[in-house]
């Protein structure tokens, strides 16, 4: 598969192959190419913001923890949609 999907890392391709054979799993990624490949094969795929939303909805961690974690990701240069991040930070930082 690697020659066909040269622009997707071997680690990401291994996730894709695993998901092909395990229909009850989903992939969490921010990689655009992997997302597209998964969508083409009906593999559920989500990003880190979705995962954080699920933790928030289920009360797994506190809002302040989520806000701190998101700010840390942004500070470290993770590419995340600015507007979506701002909305979550405002919600999670509300008194």
N, C-alpha and C. Protein backbone atom coordinates (compact mmCIF):
# COMPACT_ATOMS: atom_id res chain seq x y z
N UNK A 1 0.80 -1.20 0.00
CA UNK A 1 0.00 0.00 0.00
C UNK A 1 0.85 1.27 0.00
N UNK A 2 2.00 1.21 0.61
CA UNK A 2 2.82 2.41 0.73
C UNK A 2 3.13 3.06 -0.61
N UNK A 3 3.43 2.29 -1.67
CA UNK A 3 3.67 2.94 -2.96
C UNK A 3 2.45 3.68 -3.50
N UNK A 4 1.27 3.17 -3.20
CA UNK A 4 0.04 3.81 -3.67
C UNK A 4 -0.27 5.08 -2.89
N UNK A 5 0.00 5.06 -1.60
CA UNK A 5 -0.32 6.20 -0.73
C UNK A 5 0.97 6.77 -0.15
N UNK A 6 1.83 7.26 -1.01
CA UNK A 6 3.15 7.74 -0.60
C UNK A 6 3.10 8.91 0.38
N UNK A 7 2.04 9.68 0.34
CA UNK A 7 1.98 10.88 1.16
C UNK A 7 1.33 10.61 2.53
N UNK A 8 0.97 9.36 2.79
CA UNK A 8 0.44 8.98 4.10
C UNK A 8 1.52 8.16 4.81
N UNK A 9 1.80 8.50 6.03
CA UNK A 9 2.88 7.83 6.76
C UNK A 9 2.56 6.34 6.96
N UNK A 10 3.60 5.53 7.10
CA UNK A 10 3.37 4.11 7.38
C UNK A 10 2.54 3.88 8.65
N UNK A 11 2.75 4.69 9.66
CA UNK A 11 1.97 4.54 10.91
C UNK A 11 0.49 4.81 10.63
N UNK A 12 0.20 5.86 9.88
CA UNK A 12 -1.19 6.17 9.55
C UNK A 12 -1.81 5.10 8.65
N UNK A 13 -1.03 4.59 7.72
CA UNK A 13 -1.55 3.51 6.88
C UNK A 13 -1.87 2.26 7.69
N UNK A 14 -1.08 2.01 8.73
CA UNK A 14 -1.36 0.84 9.56
C UNK A 14 -2.68 1.02 10.30
N UNK A 15 -3.00 2.23 10.72
CA UNK A 15 -4.30 2.50 11.35
C UNK A 15 -5.43 2.22 10.36
N UNK A 16 -5.25 2.68 9.16
CA UNK A 16 -6.25 2.48 8.11
C UNK A 16 -6.48 0.98 7.86
N UNK A 17 -5.40 0.22 7.71
CA UNK A 17 -5.53 -1.22 7.46
C UNK A 17 -6.21 -1.91 8.64
N UNK A 18 -5.85 -1.53 9.84
CA UNK A 18 -6.49 -2.10 11.02
C UNK A 18 -7.99 -1.82 11.00
N UNK A 19 -8.34 -0.58 10.72
CA UNK A 19 -9.76 -0.20 10.72
C UNK A 19 -10.53 -0.92 9.61
N UNK A 20 -9.89 -1.21 8.51
CA UNK A 20 -10.56 -1.96 7.44
C UNK A 20 -11.01 -3.33 7.93
N UNK A 21 -10.22 -3.93 8.80
CA UNK A 21 -10.49 -5.28 9.29
C UNK A 21 -11.23 -5.32 10.63
N UNK A 22 -11.49 -4.15 11.20
CA UNK A 22 -12.20 -4.06 12.47
C UNK A 22 -13.28 -2.99 12.35
N UNK A 23 -14.43 -3.36 11.82
CA UNK A 23 -15.46 -2.36 11.52
C UNK A 23 -16.04 -1.63 12.73
N UNK A 24 -15.72 -2.09 13.93
CA UNK A 24 -16.24 -1.43 15.12
C UNK A 24 -15.31 -0.34 15.66
N UNK A 25 -14.25 -0.02 14.93
CA UNK A 25 -13.33 1.00 15.42
C UNK A 25 -13.45 2.29 14.61
N UNK A 26 -12.88 3.34 15.16
CA UNK A 26 -12.81 4.62 14.46
C UNK A 26 -11.39 5.13 14.58
N UNK A 27 -11.07 6.10 13.76
CA UNK A 27 -9.73 6.68 13.76
C UNK A 27 -9.83 8.13 14.22
N UNK A 28 -8.93 8.50 15.12
CA UNK A 28 -8.80 9.88 15.56
C UNK A 28 -7.52 10.41 14.93
N UNK A 29 -7.66 11.42 14.08
CA UNK A 29 -6.50 11.98 13.39
C UNK A 29 -6.77 13.39 12.94
N UNK A 30 -5.71 14.11 12.73
CA UNK A 30 -5.80 15.43 12.14
C UNK A 30 -5.23 15.44 10.73
N UNK A 31 -4.77 14.27 10.28
CA UNK A 31 -4.14 14.17 8.96
C UNK A 31 -5.21 14.19 7.86
N UNK A 32 -5.14 15.19 7.02
CA UNK A 32 -6.12 15.36 5.95
C UNK A 32 -6.16 14.18 4.99
N UNK A 33 -5.01 13.67 4.65
CA UNK A 33 -4.96 12.55 3.69
C UNK A 33 -5.56 11.27 4.28
N UNK A 34 -5.25 11.01 5.54
CA UNK A 34 -5.82 9.83 6.19
C UNK A 34 -7.33 9.99 6.35
N UNK A 35 -7.78 11.19 6.70
CA UNK A 35 -9.22 11.44 6.80
C UNK A 35 -9.92 11.14 5.48
N UNK A 36 -9.34 11.61 4.41
CA UNK A 36 -9.93 11.40 3.08
C UNK A 36 -9.98 9.92 2.72
N UNK A 37 -8.90 9.21 2.98
CA UNK A 37 -8.85 7.78 2.70
C UNK A 37 -9.91 7.04 3.51
N UNK A 38 -10.04 7.38 4.77
CA UNK A 38 -11.05 6.74 5.62
C UNK A 38 -12.46 7.05 5.12
N UNK A 39 -12.70 8.29 4.77
CA UNK A 39 -14.02 8.68 4.27
C UNK A 39 -14.37 7.90 3.00
N UNK A 40 -13.39 7.69 2.15
CA UNK A 40 -13.61 6.92 0.92
C UNK A 40 -14.02 5.48 1.19
N UNK A 41 -13.69 4.98 2.37
CA UNK A 41 -13.98 3.58 2.71
C UNK A 41 -14.93 3.46 3.90
N UNK A 42 -15.65 4.53 4.17
CA UNK A 42 -16.67 4.54 5.23
C UNK A 42 -16.14 4.14 6.61
N UNK A 43 -14.92 4.54 6.89
CA UNK A 43 -14.34 4.32 8.21
C UNK A 43 -14.57 5.59 9.02
N UNK A 44 -15.21 5.48 10.18
CA UNK A 44 -15.44 6.68 11.00
C UNK A 44 -14.12 7.32 11.39
N UNK A 45 -14.04 8.62 11.20
CA UNK A 45 -12.82 9.35 11.52
C UNK A 45 -13.20 10.68 12.17
N UNK A 46 -12.47 11.03 13.22
CA UNK A 46 -12.71 12.27 13.95
C UNK A 46 -11.37 12.88 14.31
N UNK A 47 -11.43 14.12 14.80
CA UNK A 47 -10.23 14.83 15.21
C UNK A 47 -10.17 15.01 16.71
N UNK A 48 -9.11 15.66 17.15
CA UNK A 48 -8.87 15.84 18.58
C UNK A 48 -9.95 16.71 19.22
N UNK A 49 -10.47 17.69 18.49
CA UNK A 49 -11.53 18.53 19.07
C UNK A 49 -12.79 17.72 19.33
N UNK A 50 -13.10 16.81 18.44
CA UNK A 50 -14.26 15.92 18.65
C UNK A 50 -14.03 15.09 19.91
N UNK A 51 -12.83 14.56 20.05
CA UNK A 51 -12.50 13.75 21.22
C UNK A 51 -12.64 14.57 22.51
N UNK A 52 -12.17 15.80 22.47
CA UNK A 52 -12.30 16.66 23.64
C UNK A 52 -13.77 16.96 23.93
N UNK A 53 -14.56 17.16 22.89
CA UNK A 53 -16.00 17.39 23.08
C UNK A 53 -16.65 16.18 23.75
N UNK A 54 -16.25 14.98 23.36
CA UNK A 54 -16.81 13.77 23.97
C UNK A 54 -16.43 13.69 25.44
N UNK A 55 -15.19 14.05 25.77
CA UNK A 55 -14.77 14.04 27.17
C UNK A 55 -15.57 15.07 27.97
N UNK A 56 -15.84 16.21 27.35
CA UNK A 56 -16.63 17.25 27.99
C UNK A 56 -18.07 16.78 28.22
N UNK A 57 -18.69 16.26 27.19
CA UNK A 57 -20.08 15.80 27.30
C UNK A 57 -20.26 14.73 28.36
N UNK A 58 -19.27 13.87 28.50
CA UNK A 58 -19.37 12.76 29.44
C UNK A 58 -18.81 13.10 30.82
N UNK A 59 -18.28 14.30 30.97
CA UNK A 59 -17.76 14.72 32.27
C UNK A 59 -16.52 13.95 32.70
N UNK A 60 -15.73 13.49 31.74
CA UNK A 60 -14.55 12.68 32.04
C UNK A 60 -13.48 13.52 32.74
N UNK A 61 -13.33 14.76 32.30
CA UNK A 61 -12.38 15.69 32.90
C UNK A 61 -13.05 17.04 33.06
N UNK A 62 -12.46 17.91 33.83
CA UNK A 62 -13.05 19.22 34.08
C UNK A 62 -12.88 20.13 32.87
N UNK A 63 -13.73 21.15 32.82
CA UNK A 63 -13.63 22.14 31.76
C UNK A 63 -12.27 22.85 31.78
N UNK A 64 -11.79 23.16 32.97
CA UNK A 64 -10.51 23.85 33.06
C UNK A 64 -9.36 22.97 32.55
N UNK A 65 -9.46 21.67 32.80
CA UNK A 65 -8.45 20.74 32.28
C UNK A 65 -8.47 20.74 30.75
N UNK A 66 -9.67 20.67 30.18
CA UNK A 66 -9.78 20.69 28.72
C UNK A 66 -9.23 21.98 28.14
N UNK A 67 -9.57 23.11 28.75
CA UNK A 67 -9.07 24.40 28.27
C UNK A 67 -7.55 24.45 28.36
N UNK A 68 -7.00 24.00 29.47
CA UNK A 68 -5.54 23.99 29.63
C UNK A 68 -4.89 23.10 28.57
N UNK A 69 -5.47 21.93 28.34
CA UNK A 69 -4.91 21.00 27.35
C UNK A 69 -4.97 21.59 25.95
N UNK A 70 -6.09 22.22 25.62
CA UNK A 70 -6.23 22.81 24.29
C UNK A 70 -5.24 23.97 24.11
N UNK A 71 -5.11 24.80 25.12
CA UNK A 71 -4.14 25.90 25.04
C UNK A 71 -2.71 25.37 24.87
N UNK A 72 -2.41 24.28 25.54
CA UNK A 72 -1.07 23.67 25.41
C UNK A 72 -0.85 23.17 23.98
N UNK A 73 -1.87 22.53 23.41
CA UNK A 73 -1.75 22.06 22.02
C UNK A 73 -1.52 23.22 21.07
N UNK A 74 -2.27 24.30 21.26
CA UNK A 74 -2.13 25.48 20.41
C UNK A 74 -0.73 26.07 20.56
N UNK A 75 -0.27 26.19 21.81
CA UNK A 75 1.06 26.75 22.09
C UNK A 75 2.16 25.93 21.43
N UNK A 76 1.98 24.62 21.40
CA UNK A 76 3.00 23.74 20.82
C UNK A 76 2.93 23.68 19.30
N UNK A 77 1.97 24.43 18.71
CA UNK A 77 1.94 24.54 17.25
C UNK A 77 1.06 23.54 16.54
N UNK A 78 0.21 22.84 17.26
CA UNK A 78 -0.71 21.93 16.59
C UNK A 78 -1.67 22.74 15.73
N UNK A 79 -1.90 22.28 14.52
CA UNK A 79 -2.82 22.98 13.64
C UNK A 79 -4.24 22.56 13.98
N UNK A 80 -4.97 23.50 14.54
CA UNK A 80 -6.37 23.29 14.89
C UNK A 80 -7.14 24.52 14.42
N UNK A 81 -8.39 24.35 14.01
CA UNK A 81 -9.15 25.50 13.51
C UNK A 81 -9.34 26.57 14.60
N UNK A 82 -8.86 27.76 14.30
CA UNK A 82 -8.83 28.83 15.30
C UNK A 82 -10.22 29.15 15.86
N UNK A 83 -11.20 29.31 14.99
CA UNK A 83 -12.55 29.64 15.46
C UNK A 83 -13.13 28.57 16.35
N UNK A 84 -12.94 27.31 15.99
CA UNK A 84 -13.44 26.20 16.80
C UNK A 84 -12.74 26.17 18.16
N UNK A 85 -11.45 26.44 18.16
CA UNK A 85 -10.70 26.46 19.42
C UNK A 85 -11.16 27.62 20.30
N UNK A 86 -11.33 28.79 19.71
CA UNK A 86 -11.78 29.95 20.48
C UNK A 86 -13.13 29.70 21.13
N UNK A 87 -14.05 29.09 20.39
CA UNK A 87 -15.39 28.80 20.92
C UNK A 87 -15.30 27.86 22.11
N UNK A 88 -14.49 26.83 22.00
CA UNK A 88 -14.35 25.88 23.09
C UNK A 88 -13.66 26.51 24.30
N UNK A 89 -12.63 27.29 24.05
CA UNK A 89 -11.93 27.94 25.16
C UNK A 89 -12.87 28.87 25.91
N UNK A 90 -13.69 29.61 25.19
CA UNK A 90 -14.66 30.50 25.87
C UNK A 90 -15.63 29.68 26.70
N UNK A 91 -16.12 28.59 26.16
CA UNK A 91 -17.09 27.74 26.87
C UNK A 91 -16.43 27.09 28.09
N UNK A 92 -15.23 26.58 27.92
CA UNK A 92 -14.58 25.87 29.01
C UNK A 92 -14.00 26.79 30.07
N UNK A 93 -13.78 28.06 29.74
CA UNK A 93 -13.24 29.02 30.69
C UNK A 93 -14.34 29.85 31.36
N UNK A 94 -15.60 29.64 30.97
CA UNK A 94 -16.70 30.38 31.61
C UNK A 94 -16.70 30.12 33.11
N UNK A 95 -16.99 31.19 33.89
CA UNK A 95 -17.06 30.99 35.35
C UNK A 95 -18.27 30.17 35.75
